[in-house]
Amino acid sequence: MIVKSLFLTIFITSAVNAGITDKQFSADAVITIPGEPKTTSKLYVGNNVVRTEVQTPNGLIVDIVYPLKGKLIKLNPQLKQYIEIPIEKQTESLQTKTNPCYKLQNANCTQLGEESINGQKTQKWQIVTQQQGRNTRTLHWVDIKRQLAVREFFADGSMAEMVLEKNETVNKRKAEKWVRTLSRPDGSTVQSFQWYDPQLKISIREELPGGFVRELKNIKTGLQNSALFKIPENYNAMKPVKNMNQTNQLKR
């Protein structure tokens, strides 16, 4: 259950990033975990807003995220209730979005220059984070066009490299297939695969070690109904909360 929640969070993060562009679409977010039934959630990406619908054992839960306003609205259709939660604001400026710290918390990013990696123009970044009271430094070469980390060096001595393998159609979308190889200090390697959609500017499928897959299916581009991102008139507001833990009462 924790793994599914993590996968869904990554999907939502990608959708939020797409939501602050001019690309509007809807899709099914499908998570495949070996030995478990597939999980499907619904995504609606509007203009600077994203709606997700997740079916839980206690019923449907709907989240509406306004990244530029720093606002999350959780709807409970069963109880006809909603609650508004403040979240960290994002900015739509290109300068901020090309900074890796745009997606990280408690990190300091410094651009060290620009380099060409496997024919891709990249920005070289040093990221400093704190782990167990110590500063940890990593190096990342980020593709300027796609905002994908095509080369990374980590504190434990491992390194990862992403290579564009070919263009192909996946889930009825034209995409770029990227192969990511993680090399560990002991000489072992692990590969994963990612399909990047140039039109939507996000990855629409990822295959991870162990048979884990997350992907967007039934993608339909176009303007989304504005009603999807509004609170229904017959919903009652719950008291404001200071942290996400208090939102559990929405699931009852």
Protein backbone atom coordinates (compact mmCIF):
# COMPACT_ATOMS: atom_id res chain seq x y z
CA MET A 1 0.00 0.00 0.00
CA ILE A 2 2.90 2.37 0.78
CA VAL A 3 4.47 1.61 -2.60
CA LYS A 4 1.23 2.36 -4.41
CA SER A 5 0.90 5.66 -2.54
CA LEU A 6 4.46 6.58 -3.50
CA PHE A 7 3.87 5.74 -7.15
CA LEU A 8 0.68 7.80 -7.17
CA THR A 9 2.49 10.74 -5.54
CA ILE A 10 5.06 10.65 -8.35
CA PHE A 11 2.26 10.65 -10.92
CA ILE A 12 0.60 13.62 -9.25
CA THR A 13 3.90 15.49 -9.11
CA SER A 14 4.42 14.96 -12.84
CA ALA A 15 0.88 16.07 -13.55
CA VAL A 16 1.29 19.19 -11.44
CA ASN A 17 4.42 20.05 -13.39
CA ALA A 18 2.44 19.61 -16.62
CA GLY A 19 -0.36 21.68 -15.11
CA ILE A 20 1.74 24.83 -15.10
CA THR A 21 2.22 24.64 -18.86
CA ASP A 22 -0.30 25.22 -21.64
CA LYS A 23 -0.84 21.47 -22.12
CA GLN A 24 -4.26 20.30 -20.97
CA PHE A 25 -5.23 16.63 -20.97
CA SER A 26 -6.92 13.79 -19.11
CA ALA A 27 -5.52 10.31 -18.53
CA ASP A 28 -5.70 7.12 -16.50
CA ALA A 29 -2.75 6.69 -14.14
CA VAL A 30 -2.09 2.95 -13.97
CA ILE A 31 0.23 1.35 -11.43
CA THR A 32 1.39 -2.26 -11.82
CA ILE A 33 3.02 -3.98 -8.85
CA PRO A 34 3.99 -7.66 -9.19
CA GLY A 35 1.59 -9.94 -7.36
CA GLU A 36 -1.05 -7.25 -6.84
CA PRO A 37 -4.07 -6.05 -8.83
CA LYS A 38 -3.47 -3.02 -11.04
CA THR A 39 -4.45 0.33 -9.57
CA THR A 40 -6.02 2.97 -11.81
CA SER A 41 -6.62 6.60 -10.88
CA LYS A 42 -7.93 9.44 -13.02
CA LEU A 43 -6.00 12.62 -13.84
CA TYR A 44 -7.31 15.87 -15.27
CA VAL A 45 -4.73 18.53 -16.10
CA GLY A 46 -6.17 21.99 -16.70
CA ASN A 47 -4.69 25.46 -16.89
CA ASN A 48 -2.49 25.73 -13.78
CA VAL A 49 -4.63 23.17 -11.96
CA VAL A 50 -4.71 19.37 -11.61
CA ARG A 51 -7.49 17.06 -10.43
CA THR A 52 -6.88 13.48 -9.31
CA GLU A 53 -9.53 10.88 -8.47
CA VAL A 54 -8.50 7.91 -6.37
CA GLN A 55 -10.78 5.02 -5.41
CA THR A 56 -10.07 3.90 -1.81
CA PRO A 57 -11.65 1.20 0.37
CA ASN A 58 -13.69 4.01 1.95
CA GLY A 59 -14.85 5.49 -1.34
CA LEU A 60 -13.71 8.05 -3.88
CA ILE A 61 -11.29 10.80 -2.82
CA VAL A 62 -10.70 13.79 -5.09
CA ASP A 63 -7.75 16.19 -4.91
CA ILE A 64 -7.60 19.50 -6.76
CA VAL A 65 -4.15 21.11 -6.76
CA TYR A 66 -3.44 24.74 -7.65
CA PRO A 67 0.41 24.75 -7.73
CA LEU A 68 0.83 28.46 -8.45
CA LYS A 69 -1.62 29.41 -5.68
CA GLY A 70 -0.15 26.97 -3.16
CA LYS A 71 -3.53 25.38 -2.54
CA LEU A 72 -4.86 21.81 -2.29
CA ILE A 73 -8.59 21.09 -2.10
CA LYS A 74 -9.68 17.62 -0.98
CA LEU A 75 -13.22 16.54 -1.81
CA ASN A 76 -15.15 13.70 -0.22
CA PRO A 77 -18.12 12.91 -2.52
CA GLN A 78 -19.55 10.43 0.00
CA LEU A 79 -19.85 13.03 2.76
CA LYS A 80 -20.20 16.01 0.38
CA GLN A 81 -17.43 17.75 2.26
CA TYR A 82 -14.27 19.56 1.28
CA ILE A 83 -11.21 20.92 2.99
CA GLU A 84 -8.62 23.42 1.77
CA ILE A 85 -4.98 22.84 2.65
CA PRO A 86 -2.07 25.22 2.03
CA ILE A 87 0.87 23.70 0.15
CA GLU A 88 4.21 25.02 -1.07
CA LYS A 89 3.74 27.44 -3.96
CA GLN A 90 5.39 26.77 -7.27
CA THR A 91 6.41 29.32 -9.85
CA GLU A 92 5.95 29.17 -13.59
CA SER A 93 9.15 31.06 -14.43
CA LEU A 94 11.46 29.11 -16.72
CA GLN A 95 14.50 30.01 -14.63
CA THR A 96 13.02 28.39 -11.54
CA LYS A 97 11.70 25.31 -13.36
CA THR A 98 15.15 24.53 -14.77
CA ASN A 99 16.61 24.51 -11.26
CA PRO A 100 16.55 20.95 -9.81
CA CYS A 101 15.67 22.39 -6.39
CA TYR A 102 12.35 23.40 -7.95
CA LYS A 103 11.21 19.84 -7.18
CA LEU A 104 13.24 19.25 -4.00
CA GLN A 105 12.81 20.34 -0.42
CA ASN A 106 15.63 21.30 1.95
CA ALA A 107 18.20 21.29 -0.84
CA ASN A 108 20.65 23.83 -2.22
CA CYS A 109 21.35 23.73 -5.96
CA THR A 110 24.28 25.43 -7.68
CA GLN A 111 24.71 25.53 -11.45
CA LEU A 112 28.31 24.72 -12.41
CA GLY A 113 28.03 25.32 -16.15
CA GLU A 114 26.76 23.70 -19.34
CA GLU A 115 28.04 20.56 -21.06
CA SER A 116 27.08 18.23 -23.90
CA ILE A 117 26.30 14.66 -22.76
CA ASN A 118 25.66 12.04 -25.46
CA GLY A 119 24.68 14.80 -27.85
CA GLN A 120 22.25 16.43 -25.39
CA LYS A 121 22.77 19.97 -24.14
CA THR A 122 22.78 19.89 -20.34
CA GLN A 123 23.21 22.08 -17.30
CA LYS A 124 25.59 20.72 -14.67
CA TRP A 125 24.27 21.09 -11.11
CA GLN A 126 25.64 20.40 -7.66
CA ILE A 127 22.94 19.54 -5.12
CA VAL A 128 23.67 19.75 -1.40
CA THR A 129 21.29 18.09 1.05
CA GLN A 130 21.51 17.24 4.72
CA GLN A 131 21.47 13.61 5.80
CA GLN A 132 21.89 12.72 9.46
CA GLY A 133 23.29 16.16 10.18
CA ARG A 134 25.88 16.05 7.41
CA ASN A 135 25.96 17.77 4.04
CA THR A 136 25.75 15.37 1.11
CA ARG A 137 26.83 16.53 -2.34
CA THR A 138 25.70 15.01 -5.63
CA LEU A 139 26.27 16.02 -9.25
CA HIS A 140 23.56 16.06 -11.92
CA TRP A 141 23.61 16.85 -15.63
CA VAL A 142 20.08 17.92 -16.58
CA ASP A 143 18.90 17.92 -20.20
CA ILE A 144 17.92 21.53 -20.89
CA LYS A 145 15.15 20.64 -23.36
CA ARG A 146 13.47 17.81 -21.46
CA GLN A 147 14.54 18.46 -17.86
CA LEU A 148 15.71 14.84 -17.49
CA ALA A 149 18.83 13.99 -15.47
CA VAL A 150 20.98 12.26 -18.11
CA ARG A 151 24.00 11.75 -15.82
CA GLU A 152 24.25 11.66 -12.02
CA PHE A 153 27.00 10.99 -9.46
CA PHE A 154 25.89 10.06 -5.95
CA ALA A 155 27.61 10.26 -2.56
CA ASP A 156 27.91 6.46 -2.20
CA GLY A 157 30.04 6.23 -5.34
CA SER A 158 27.28 5.06 -7.67
CA MET A 159 26.43 6.82 -10.92
CA ALA A 160 23.50 6.82 -13.32
CA GLU A 161 23.29 7.63 -16.99
CA MET A 162 20.26 8.00 -19.25
CA VAL A 163 20.57 7.40 -22.99
CA LEU A 164 17.99 8.09 -25.68
CA GLU A 165 17.50 4.69 -27.35
CA LYS A 166 14.83 5.35 -29.97
CA ASN A 167 11.50 6.94 -30.81
CA GLU A 168 8.46 4.70 -30.57
CA THR A 169 4.74 4.71 -29.97
CA VAL A 170 3.54 3.80 -26.47
CA ASN A 171 -0.05 3.97 -25.28
CA LYS A 172 -0.93 5.49 -28.67
CA ARG A 173 1.47 8.40 -28.12
CA LYS A 174 4.71 9.25 -29.91
CA ALA A 175 7.42 9.07 -27.29
CA GLU A 176 11.15 8.87 -26.74
CA LYS A 177 12.42 5.71 -25.06
CA TRP A 178 15.21 6.42 -22.58
CA VAL A 179 17.33 3.75 -20.86
CA ARG A 180 18.67 4.57 -17.39
CA THR A 181 21.60 2.50 -16.13
CA LEU A 182 22.60 2.73 -12.48
CA SER A 183 26.16 1.53 -11.82
CA ARG A 184 27.06 0.66 -8.23
CA PRO A 185 30.52 0.67 -6.61
CA ASP A 186 30.51 -3.14 -6.45
CA GLY A 187 30.31 -3.31 -10.25
CA SER A 188 26.65 -4.32 -10.48
CA THR A 189 24.22 -2.43 -12.71
CA VAL A 190 20.46 -1.91 -12.73
CA GLN A 191 18.42 -0.68 -15.69
CA SER A 192 15.09 1.07 -15.90
CA PHE A 193 13.17 2.51 -18.85
CA GLN A 194 11.29 5.74 -19.38
CA TRP A 195 9.11 6.97 -22.23
CA TYR A 196 9.09 10.75 -22.55
CA ASP A 197 6.23 12.49 -24.39
CA PRO A 198 7.65 15.59 -26.14
CA GLN A 199 4.21 17.15 -26.56
CA LEU A 200 3.13 16.82 -22.92
CA LYS A 201 6.71 17.30 -21.68
CA ILE A 202 6.41 14.50 -19.12
CA SER A 203 7.18 10.78 -18.98
CA ILE A 204 4.07 8.73 -19.74
CA ARG A 205 5.51 5.30 -18.89
CA GLU A 206 8.24 3.99 -16.61
CA GLU A 207 9.43 0.42 -16.13
CA LEU A 208 11.38 -0.04 -12.92
CA PRO A 209 13.44 -2.97 -11.60
CA GLY A 210 11.37 -5.81 -10.16
CA GLY A 211 8.52 -5.48 -12.63
CA PHE A 212 7.08 -2.24 -11.28
CA VAL A 213 5.37 -0.12 -13.94
CA ARG A 214 3.67 3.27 -13.80
CA GLU A 215 2.09 4.78 -16.88
CA LEU A 216 -0.51 7.13 -18.26
CA LYS A 217 -3.11 5.53 -20.53
CA ASN A 218 -6.10 6.81 -22.50
CA ILE A 219 -4.50 10.24 -22.80
CA LYS A 220 -6.86 12.78 -24.33
CA THR A 221 -5.47 16.24 -25.03
CA GLY A 222 -7.65 19.34 -25.13
CA LEU A 223 -9.34 21.90 -22.91
CA GLN A 224 -10.76 20.43 -19.71
CA ASN A 225 -14.19 21.26 -18.26
CA SER A 226 -13.67 24.06 -15.72
CA ALA A 227 -16.30 22.46 -13.45
CA LEU A 228 -13.83 19.66 -12.70
CA PHE A 229 -11.67 22.11 -10.76
CA LYS A 230 -14.40 23.77 -8.70
CA ILE A 231 -15.97 22.86 -5.37
CA PRO A 232 -19.57 21.68 -5.88
CA GLU A 233 -22.11 24.12 -4.43
CA ASN A 234 -23.73 21.48 -2.21
CA TYR A 235 -20.45 20.61 -0.41
CA ASN A 236 -19.82 21.76 3.16
CA ALA A 237 -16.46 23.09 4.28
CA MET A 238 -14.53 21.39 7.05
CA LYS A 239 -12.34 23.32 9.46
CA PRO A 240 -8.91 24.37 8.11
CA VAL A 241 -6.03 22.05 9.01
CA LYS A 242 -2.38 22.71 9.75
CA ASN A 243 -0.98 19.42 8.46
CA MET A 244 -1.87 16.57 6.13
CA ASN A 245 -2.39 14.05 8.96
CA GLN A 246 -5.61 15.74 9.96
CA THR A 247 -7.11 15.08 6.53
CA ASN A 248 -7.60 11.41 7.44
CA GLN A 249 -11.04 12.29 8.73
CA LEU A 250 -12.06 12.89 5.13
CA LYS A 251 -11.77 9.16 4.53
CA ARG A 252 -14.21 8.17 7.25
